[in-house]
Amino acid sequence: MKHNFEQGSFLDETPIPMSIPQIILQPRRAKPFYARHPWVFAGAIAEIRGKPADGDAVQVFSHGGAFIAHGLFNSQSRIRVRLYSWDIDQPMEEVFLRKRLEQAFRLRQDLNLIGPGLACRLVFSESDGLSGLTVDRYDRWMVAQFTSLALARRREMIVQLLQDIGQPEGIYLRTERGIGAQEGVELQDGLLWGQMPPSPVTIEENGIRFLVHLQEGQKTGFYLDQRDNHRAVAKYAKGRRVLDAFCYTGGFGLHAARAGASEVFAVDGSESAIELGQQNAAINELPQVRFERADVFRFLEDAVKAKQKYDIVILDPPKFARALRAVDTALSGYRRLQALALLLLPPGGLLVTCCCSGLISQEQLEEVLAQVATEAKRSMQILERHGQPPDHPVALSCLETSYLKCVIARVL
């Protein structure tokens, strides 16, 4: 057996068992995958030995012939292979899936996020070693999303394991926009197993009750990733007039009201979100929260013209950048929002700006904020920086899993 790793060549006489198809990488392209990054793009592949169908298990080798990992193949995706196991003796099968799901479940148990009325992210795709699978838990129900064709085709096995490990009353499937074209996944929202979740489900976050429609709305029905940020912002709200822009169903606004805000104005473009937010305010007996359906950009412009002032302005827009080509446009959107918000804040006011676009970095977001402050001839102080909560962990082998930014800044 001859290997030439320094030259990065694959010598044909190297015997490799052909029980499953082999993916041979280009020279000098193996390093990220030895470091356990889970995405192998088409440009990193030199050769495919065998004829894997979409969704099939494959083994990935360096150009020099060394085994790297087990993965799942998809010719329809930019991510040609998603890697899962770096142990040659542990392929992607039921035993492996059970172990990964049990590890994920144990973390959320340790965080005290599983129980009656609680909600959390139970499986966070790459961060839990299961690229292409997201599972959220709301009270006694789970909501699953498959963003990988290979895992979608293994959904019966995954659903059975989720039943065994988590003991839910039902598991509901939600699909993500654009995944059909990106991955070749053809799924429809609907019940995967058990009882249909009630509409709405009631959950509790930081002592505040929220009604959640699992079959509709953003993400799987609620912004579970803002749990800690809701609490962080609320501690500044006592006695203050608060504007919660892109409020959805009232996450930031209700927390501010519960913390003692004198008035909270919650604005969103979705009629269904506003209606649910109003119900959330009612069940928590928070009459100082006023909801309004409006285009947020236009609302801010009108508020500036009317010379309105707020002590805290919270900006939590939806994802502006879903692809690299959209980053510049997204940054322009954040710049416009922040510039309008500054005009609504008196000296000593707080600007809370959030970004859930993983393609935009913390540095880029703060650079835009600095530019806006300079143009407005105002000084700003960053008081706190926050990200996603621990049920949305960041995988050090896949830093793309770090996506949420929340900056609390004081305007002088």
Protein backbone atom coordinates (compact mmCIF):
# COMPACT_ATOMS: atom_id res chain seq x y z
CA MET A 1 0.00 0.00 0.00
CA LYS A 2 1.52 3.29 -1.09
CA HIS A 3 0.41 6.72 0.11
CA ASN A 4 1.79 10.09 -0.86
CA PHE A 5 0.07 12.45 1.56
CA GLU A 6 2.66 15.22 1.17
CA GLN A 7 1.99 15.38 -2.55
CA GLY A 8 -1.73 15.00 -1.89
CA SER A 9 -2.06 12.33 -4.54
CA PHE A 10 -4.36 9.32 -4.57
CA LEU A 11 -2.53 6.22 -5.76
CA ASP A 12 -4.72 3.79 -7.65
CA GLU A 13 -3.14 0.76 -6.03
CA THR A 14 -4.45 1.81 -2.60
CA PRO A 15 -7.08 -0.83 -1.79
CA ILE A 16 -10.34 0.68 -0.57
CA PRO A 17 -13.34 -1.53 0.14
CA MET A 18 -16.13 -0.66 -2.30
CA SER A 19 -19.11 -1.76 -0.21
CA ILE A 20 -20.44 1.79 -0.42
CA PRO A 21 -19.56 4.59 -2.85
CA GLN A 22 -16.37 6.58 -2.26
CA ILE A 23 -15.93 10.35 -2.49
CA ILE A 24 -12.31 11.30 -3.25
CA LEU A 25 -11.37 14.88 -2.43
CA GLN A 26 -9.24 17.25 -4.45
CA PRO A 27 -5.59 17.65 -3.37
CA ARG A 28 -5.14 19.87 -0.32
CA ARG A 29 -8.89 20.12 0.31
CA ALA A 30 -9.21 17.68 3.21
CA LYS A 31 -8.16 19.89 6.14
CA PRO A 32 -11.61 21.35 6.99
CA PHE A 33 -13.14 17.89 7.00
CA TYR A 34 -10.49 16.43 9.28
CA ALA A 35 -11.49 19.34 11.54
CA ARG A 36 -15.08 18.03 11.30
CA HIS A 37 -16.70 20.67 9.16
CA PRO A 38 -19.81 18.86 7.88
CA TRP A 39 -20.28 20.34 4.39
CA VAL A 40 -18.46 19.02 1.32
CA PHE A 41 -19.21 21.23 -1.69
CA ALA A 42 -18.96 20.03 -5.27
CA GLY A 43 -15.73 21.94 -5.91
CA ALA A 44 -13.89 19.94 -3.24
CA ILE A 45 -14.58 16.61 -4.95
CA ALA A 46 -12.08 15.08 -7.37
CA GLU A 47 -13.78 11.76 -8.05
CA ILE A 48 -16.84 9.71 -7.16
CA ARG A 49 -16.23 5.97 -7.10
CA GLY A 50 -19.45 4.06 -7.45
CA LYS A 51 -22.87 5.40 -8.34
CA PRO A 52 -24.50 6.86 -5.23
CA ALA A 53 -28.13 7.85 -5.55
CA ASP A 54 -29.31 11.02 -3.85
CA GLY A 55 -29.63 10.29 -0.15
CA ASP A 56 -27.23 7.34 -0.16
CA ALA A 57 -24.50 6.78 2.38
CA VAL A 58 -20.94 7.40 1.15
CA GLN A 59 -17.43 7.40 2.58
CA VAL A 60 -15.15 10.40 2.09
CA PHE A 61 -11.39 9.99 1.54
CA SER A 62 -8.53 12.42 1.15
CA HIS A 63 -6.77 12.55 -2.21
CA GLY A 64 -4.00 10.55 -0.54
CA GLY A 65 -6.35 7.71 0.35
CA ALA A 66 -7.03 8.29 4.05
CA PHE A 67 -10.54 7.76 5.41
CA ILE A 68 -12.09 10.98 6.71
CA ALA A 69 -15.77 10.47 7.42
CA HIS A 70 -19.10 8.85 6.65
CA GLY A 71 -21.62 11.08 4.95
CA LEU A 72 -24.81 11.28 2.91
CA PHE A 73 -24.79 12.25 -0.78
CA ASN A 74 -27.04 14.63 -2.74
CA SER A 75 -26.25 15.58 -6.34
CA GLN A 76 -29.05 18.19 -6.30
CA SER A 77 -27.49 20.27 -3.53
CA ARG A 78 -24.53 22.64 -3.45
CA ILE A 79 -23.57 20.62 -0.36
CA ARG A 80 -22.81 17.38 -2.21
CA VAL A 81 -22.02 15.45 0.96
CA ARG A 82 -23.07 16.14 4.54
CA LEU A 83 -20.66 14.52 6.98
CA TYR A 84 -21.87 12.89 10.18
CA SER A 85 -19.46 10.30 11.57
CA TRP A 86 -15.66 10.47 11.65
CA ASP A 87 -15.37 6.97 13.12
CA ILE A 88 -14.82 4.41 10.38
CA ASP A 89 -16.59 1.78 12.49
CA GLN A 90 -19.67 3.95 13.10
CA PRO A 91 -21.61 4.57 9.88
CA MET A 92 -24.76 6.65 9.61
CA GLU A 93 -27.36 4.20 10.88
CA GLU A 94 -29.98 3.86 13.62
CA VAL A 95 -27.50 3.32 16.46
CA PHE A 96 -25.63 6.48 15.45
CA LEU A 97 -28.82 8.54 15.12
CA ARG A 98 -30.06 7.42 18.53
CA LYS A 99 -26.79 8.43 20.17
CA ARG A 100 -26.82 11.90 18.60
CA LEU A 101 -30.47 12.50 19.49
CA GLU A 102 -29.92 11.34 23.07
CA GLN A 103 -26.96 13.73 23.39
CA ALA A 104 -29.11 16.60 22.13
CA PHE A 105 -31.98 15.74 24.47
CA ARG A 106 -29.63 15.49 27.46
CA LEU A 107 -28.30 19.02 26.90
CA ARG A 108 -31.80 20.53 26.98
CA GLN A 109 -32.63 18.52 30.07
CA ASP A 110 -29.51 19.88 31.77
CA LEU A 111 -30.64 23.40 30.80
CA ASN A 112 -34.04 22.74 32.45
CA LEU A 113 -35.82 23.56 29.20
CA ILE A 114 -37.91 20.40 28.91
CA GLY A 115 -41.13 20.16 30.89
CA PRO A 116 -44.80 21.16 30.99
CA GLY A 117 -45.34 24.49 29.28
CA LEU A 118 -41.68 24.93 28.33
CA ALA A 119 -40.27 25.38 24.84
CA CYS A 120 -36.78 24.97 23.38
CA ARG A 121 -34.76 23.95 20.36
CA LEU A 122 -34.27 20.25 20.87
CA VAL A 123 -32.04 19.54 17.84
CA PHE A 124 -30.03 22.29 16.14
CA SER A 125 -28.82 20.72 12.90
CA GLU A 126 -25.02 20.94 12.52
CA SER A 127 -24.54 22.03 16.13
CA ASP A 128 -25.94 18.71 17.33
CA GLY A 129 -24.12 16.70 14.68
CA LEU A 130 -27.24 16.16 12.55
CA SER A 131 -26.84 18.47 9.56
CA GLY A 132 -30.23 19.06 7.99
CA LEU A 133 -32.47 18.34 11.00
CA THR A 134 -34.08 20.88 13.32
CA VAL A 135 -36.50 19.88 16.07
CA ASP A 136 -38.27 22.30 18.41
CA ARG A 137 -40.28 21.25 21.44
CA TYR A 138 -43.35 23.17 22.63
CA ASP A 139 -44.86 21.78 25.82
CA ARG A 140 -45.70 18.15 24.85
CA TRP A 141 -45.32 18.55 21.08
CA MET A 142 -42.38 18.51 18.72
CA VAL A 143 -42.01 20.34 15.42
CA ALA A 144 -39.48 18.91 12.96
CA GLN A 145 -37.88 20.52 9.92
CA PHE A 146 -35.81 18.58 7.37
CA THR A 147 -33.41 20.68 5.30
CA SER A 148 -31.47 17.68 3.99
CA LEU A 149 -32.91 15.31 1.43
CA ALA A 150 -31.05 12.34 2.96
CA LEU A 151 -32.44 12.90 6.46
CA ALA A 152 -35.89 13.61 5.04
CA ARG A 153 -35.80 10.15 3.49
CA ARG A 154 -34.91 8.71 6.90
CA ARG A 155 -37.69 10.58 8.66
CA GLU A 156 -39.63 7.46 9.72
CA MET A 157 -36.58 6.22 11.65
CA ILE A 158 -35.94 9.68 13.10
CA VAL A 159 -39.57 10.11 14.16
CA GLN A 160 -39.51 6.72 15.89
CA LEU A 161 -36.34 7.68 17.76
CA LEU A 162 -37.84 11.03 18.78
CA GLN A 163 -40.86 9.19 20.15
CA ASP A 164 -38.67 6.82 22.16
CA ILE A 165 -36.34 9.50 23.53
CA GLY A 166 -38.65 12.48 24.05
CA GLN A 167 -42.07 10.90 24.63
CA PRO A 168 -44.05 13.68 22.91
CA GLU A 169 -47.79 13.58 22.32
CA GLY A 170 -47.30 14.44 18.67
CA ILE A 171 -44.67 15.37 16.08
CA TYR A 172 -45.57 17.93 13.43
CA LEU A 173 -43.64 18.62 10.19
CA ARG A 174 -42.90 22.18 9.07
CA THR A 175 -41.14 22.89 5.79
CA GLU A 176 -38.69 25.74 5.19
CA ARG A 177 -39.02 28.13 2.28
CA GLY A 178 -36.73 27.39 -0.64
CA ILE A 179 -35.48 24.01 0.56
CA GLY A 180 -37.27 22.14 -2.23
CA ALA A 181 -35.21 23.94 -4.86
CA GLN A 182 -31.97 23.81 -2.84
CA GLU A 183 -32.09 20.16 -1.76
CA GLY A 184 -34.71 18.41 -3.86
CA VAL A 185 -36.81 17.83 -0.74
CA GLU A 186 -40.51 17.54 -1.51
CA LEU A 187 -42.47 17.58 1.73
CA GLN A 188 -45.72 19.10 2.89
CA ASP A 189 -46.52 20.47 6.32
CA GLY A 190 -48.52 18.02 8.38
CA LEU A 191 -48.67 15.57 11.25
CA LEU A 192 -45.84 13.02 11.25
CA TRP A 193 -46.98 11.06 14.30
CA GLY A 194 -49.33 11.13 17.26
CA GLN A 195 -51.89 13.76 18.13
CA MET A 196 -52.30 17.00 16.23
CA PRO A 197 -51.08 19.91 18.40
CA PRO A 198 -53.78 22.27 19.64
CA SER A 199 -53.98 25.67 18.03
CA PRO A 200 -52.65 27.50 19.89
CA VAL A 201 -50.21 25.78 22.25
CA THR A 202 -49.47 27.75 25.42
CA ILE A 203 -45.84 28.05 26.50
CA GLU A 204 -44.07 30.03 29.18
CA GLU A 205 -40.89 32.06 28.71
CA ASN A 206 -39.27 33.89 31.62
CA GLY A 207 -42.58 33.79 33.49
CA ILE A 208 -44.63 35.19 30.59
CA ARG A 209 -47.20 33.07 28.75
CA PHE A 210 -47.29 33.01 24.96
CA LEU A 211 -49.77 31.45 22.57
CA VAL A 212 -48.08 29.71 19.65
CA HIS A 213 -49.60 28.36 16.44
CA LEU A 214 -47.28 25.49 15.49
CA GLN A 215 -48.84 25.05 12.06
CA GLU A 216 -48.12 28.61 10.89
CA GLY A 217 -46.06 31.71 11.50
CA GLN A 218 -42.33 32.36 11.47
CA LYS A 219 -39.83 29.51 11.99
CA THR A 220 -41.74 26.80 13.89
CA GLY A 221 -44.16 29.30 15.44
CA PHE A 222 -42.01 31.31 17.87
CA TYR A 223 -38.58 32.95 18.14
CA LEU A 224 -37.10 30.53 20.65
CA ASP A 225 -33.62 31.92 20.01
CA GLN A 226 -34.46 35.32 21.56
CA ARG A 227 -35.33 33.94 25.01
CA ASP A 228 -32.26 35.31 26.80
CA ASN A 229 -32.24 38.55 24.79
CA HIS A 230 -35.84 39.28 25.78
CA ARG A 231 -34.75 39.13 29.41
CA ALA A 232 -31.56 41.16 28.83
CA VAL A 233 -33.43 44.06 27.22
CA ALA A 234 -36.30 44.00 29.71
CA LYS A 235 -34.10 45.02 32.63
CA TYR A 236 -33.70 48.49 31.07
CA ALA A 237 -37.43 49.03 30.52
CA LYS A 238 -38.79 50.16 33.88
CA GLY A 239 -40.58 53.50 33.60
CA ARG A 240 -39.62 53.87 29.94
CA ARG A 241 -41.52 54.32 26.67
CA VAL A 242 -40.64 51.42 24.39
CA LEU A 243 -41.03 50.80 20.66
CA ASP A 244 -40.87 47.11 19.67
CA ALA A 245 -40.42 47.11 15.89
CA PHE A 246 -40.92 43.82 14.01
CA CYS A 247 -42.58 42.67 17.23
CA TYR A 248 -44.04 39.41 15.82
CA THR A 249 -46.23 38.12 18.69
CA GLY A 250 -44.76 40.44 21.32
CA GLY A 251 -41.61 38.77 22.64
CA PHE A 252 -39.60 41.88 23.46
CA GLY A 253 -42.60 44.11 24.11
CA LEU A 254 -44.31 41.88 26.67
CA HIS A 255 -41.06 41.37 28.54
CA ALA A 256 -40.55 45.13 28.66
CA ALA A 257 -44.10 45.67 29.93
CA ARG A 258 -43.74 43.01 32.62
CA ALA A 259 -40.50 44.72 33.72
CA GLY A 260 -42.37 47.99 34.28
CA ALA A 261 -42.30 49.93 30.99
CA SER A 262 -44.73 52.84 31.09
CA GLU A 263 -45.86 52.30 27.49
CA VAL A 264 -45.00 49.74 24.82
CA PHE A 265 -45.79 50.22 21.14
CA ALA A 266 -45.51 46.95 19.20
CA VAL A 267 -45.47 47.09 15.38
CA ASP A 268 -45.41 44.34 12.78
CA GLY A 269 -46.56 43.85 9.21
CA SER A 270 -48.34 40.55 9.87
CA GLU A 271 -52.01 40.74 10.81
CA SER A 272 -52.00 37.23 12.32
CA ALA A 273 -48.92 38.05 14.42
CA ILE A 274 -50.54 41.26 15.71
CA GLU A 275 -53.74 39.41 16.62
CA LEU A 276 -51.81 36.76 18.54
CA GLY A 277 -49.69 39.44 20.21
CA GLN A 278 -52.85 41.17 21.43
CA GLN A 279 -54.06 37.88 22.90
CA ASN A 280 -50.66 37.39 24.57
CA ALA A 281 -50.88 40.84 26.16
CA ALA A 282 -54.41 40.07 27.39
CA ILE A 283 -53.62 36.71 29.01
CA ASN A 284 -50.65 38.28 30.80
CA GLU A 285 -52.71 41.32 31.88
CA LEU A 286 -50.36 43.85 30.27
CA PRO A 287 -52.69 46.59 28.98
CA GLN A 288 -49.83 49.07 28.43
CA VAL A 289 -48.80 47.13 25.28
CA ARG A 290 -50.44 48.57 22.16
CA PHE A 291 -50.15 46.63 18.91
CA GLU A 292 -50.35 48.10 15.42
CA ARG A 293 -50.17 46.44 12.04
CA ALA A 294 -47.96 48.52 9.74
CA ASP A 295 -45.01 48.40 7.41
CA VAL A 296 -42.20 48.98 9.91
CA PHE A 297 -40.05 51.16 7.65
CA ARG A 298 -43.02 53.40 6.89
CA PHE A 299 -44.06 53.48 10.55
CA LEU A 300 -40.59 54.67 11.55
CA GLU A 301 -40.57 57.32 8.84
CA ASP A 302 -43.98 58.61 9.97
CA ALA A 303 -42.86 58.61 13.61
CA VAL A 304 -39.81 60.72 12.68
CA LYS A 305 -42.00 63.19 10.78
CA ALA A 306 -44.32 63.40 13.78
CA LYS A 307 -41.28 64.03 16.04
CA GLN A 308 -42.12 61.05 18.23
CA LYS A 309 -39.63 60.02 20.90
CA TYR A 310 -39.10 56.67 22.60
CA ASP A 311 -36.73 55.79 25.42
CA ILE A 312 -35.98 52.37 23.90
CA VAL A 313 -36.28 51.33 20.27
CA ILE A 314 -35.99 47.59 19.53
CA LEU A 315 -35.27 46.45 15.96
CA ASP A 316 -35.70 42.70 15.41
CA PRO A 317 -36.26 42.31 11.66
CA PRO A 318 -36.54 39.01 9.79
CA LYS A 319 -33.55 37.59 7.95
CA PHE A 320 -32.51 40.10 5.29
CA ALA A 321 -29.68 38.04 3.71
CA ARG A 322 -30.36 34.44 2.65
CA ALA A 323 -27.50 34.37 0.12
CA LEU A 324 -24.13 36.09 -0.24
CA ARG A 325 -25.40 38.20 -3.12
CA ALA A 326 -27.99 39.73 -0.76
CA VAL A 327 -25.54 40.91 1.93
CA ASP A 328 -25.02 44.44 0.58
CA THR A 329 -28.75 44.99 0.23
CA ALA A 330 -29.29 43.60 3.73
CA LEU A 331 -26.68 45.94 5.23
CA SER A 332 -28.44 48.86 3.53
CA GLY A 333 -31.67 47.73 5.17
CA TYR A 334 -30.07 47.65 8.63
CA ARG A 335 -28.49 51.06 7.99
CA ARG A 336 -31.84 52.59 7.10
CA LEU A 337 -33.57 51.08 10.14
CA GLN A 338 -30.87 52.22 12.54
CA ALA A 339 -30.76 55.74 11.07
CA LEU A 340 -34.51 56.13 11.56
CA ALA A 341 -34.33 54.69 15.07
CA LEU A 342 -31.63 57.19 16.09
CA LEU A 343 -33.95 60.05 15.16
CA LEU A 344 -36.54 58.68 17.58
CA LEU A 345 -34.20 58.43 20.57
CA PRO A 346 -33.39 61.26 23.00
CA PRO A 347 -29.98 61.49 24.71
CA GLY A 348 -29.71 58.52 27.05
CA GLY A 349 -32.09 56.42 24.97
CA LEU A 350 -31.34 52.80 24.07
CA LEU A 351 -31.18 51.24 20.63
CA VAL A 352 -31.50 47.46 20.54
CA THR A 353 -30.61 46.08 17.14
CA CYS A 354 -30.85 42.39 16.25
CA CYS A 355 -29.66 40.45 13.21
CA CYS A 356 -30.49 36.81 12.49
CA SER A 357 -28.64 36.70 9.15
CA GLY A 358 -25.70 34.36 9.61
CA LEU A 359 -24.01 35.84 6.54
CA ILE A 360 -23.67 39.18 8.35
CA SER A 361 -21.04 39.24 11.09
CA GLN A 362 -21.08 41.01 14.44
CA GLU A 363 -18.36 43.32 13.11
CA GLN A 364 -20.40 44.24 10.03
CA LEU A 365 -23.49 44.98 12.11
CA GLU A 366 -21.54 47.20 14.50
CA GLU A 367 -19.71 48.91 11.64
CA VAL A 368 -23.06 49.92 10.16
CA LEU A 369 -24.16 51.17 13.58
CA ALA A 370 -20.96 53.25 13.89
CA GLN A 371 -21.49 54.74 10.41
CA VAL A 372 -25.05 55.68 11.24
CA ALA A 373 -23.99 57.32 14.50
CA THR A 374 -21.26 59.29 12.71
CA GLU A 375 -23.67 60.49 10.02
CA ALA A 376 -26.15 61.56 12.72
CA LYS A 377 -23.33 63.29 14.64
CA ARG A 378 -24.17 61.36 17.79
CA SER A 379 -22.07 59.25 20.12
CA MET A 380 -23.06 55.71 21.05
CA GLN A 381 -21.95 53.25 23.69
CA ILE A 382 -22.38 49.50 23.35
CA LEU A 383 -23.64 48.30 26.71
CA GLU A 384 -24.16 44.62 25.91
CA ARG A 385 -23.62 42.11 23.13
CA HIS A 386 -25.67 38.93 23.01
CA GLY A 387 -26.18 35.98 20.69
CA GLN A 388 -28.23 32.82 20.70
CA PRO A 389 -29.12 30.84 23.85
CA PRO A 390 -27.46 27.54 24.81
CA ASP A 391 -30.18 25.37 23.29
CA HIS A 392 -28.91 26.85 20.00
CA PRO A 393 -25.24 25.94 20.59
CA VAL A 394 -22.45 26.96 18.22
CA ALA A 395 -20.37 24.12 16.77
CA LEU A 396 -16.68 25.07 16.79
CA SER A 397 -16.23 22.85 13.74
CA CYS A 398 -18.96 24.79 11.89
CA LEU A 399 -18.94 28.44 12.92
CA GLU A 400 -21.75 29.09 10.45
CA THR A 401 -24.01 27.88 13.27
CA SER A 402 -23.35 31.22 15.02
CA TYR A 403 -25.94 33.49 13.46
CA LEU A 404 -27.86 35.63 15.98
CA LYS A 405 -26.59 39.06 17.08
CA CYS A 406 -28.21 41.41 19.57
CA VAL A 407 -26.57 44.74 20.44
CA ILE A 408 -27.84 47.00 23.23
CA ALA A 409 -26.45 50.50 22.69
CA ARG A 410 -26.88 53.82 24.50
CA VAL A 411 -27.29 56.98 22.44
CA LEU A 412 -25.76 60.22 23.70
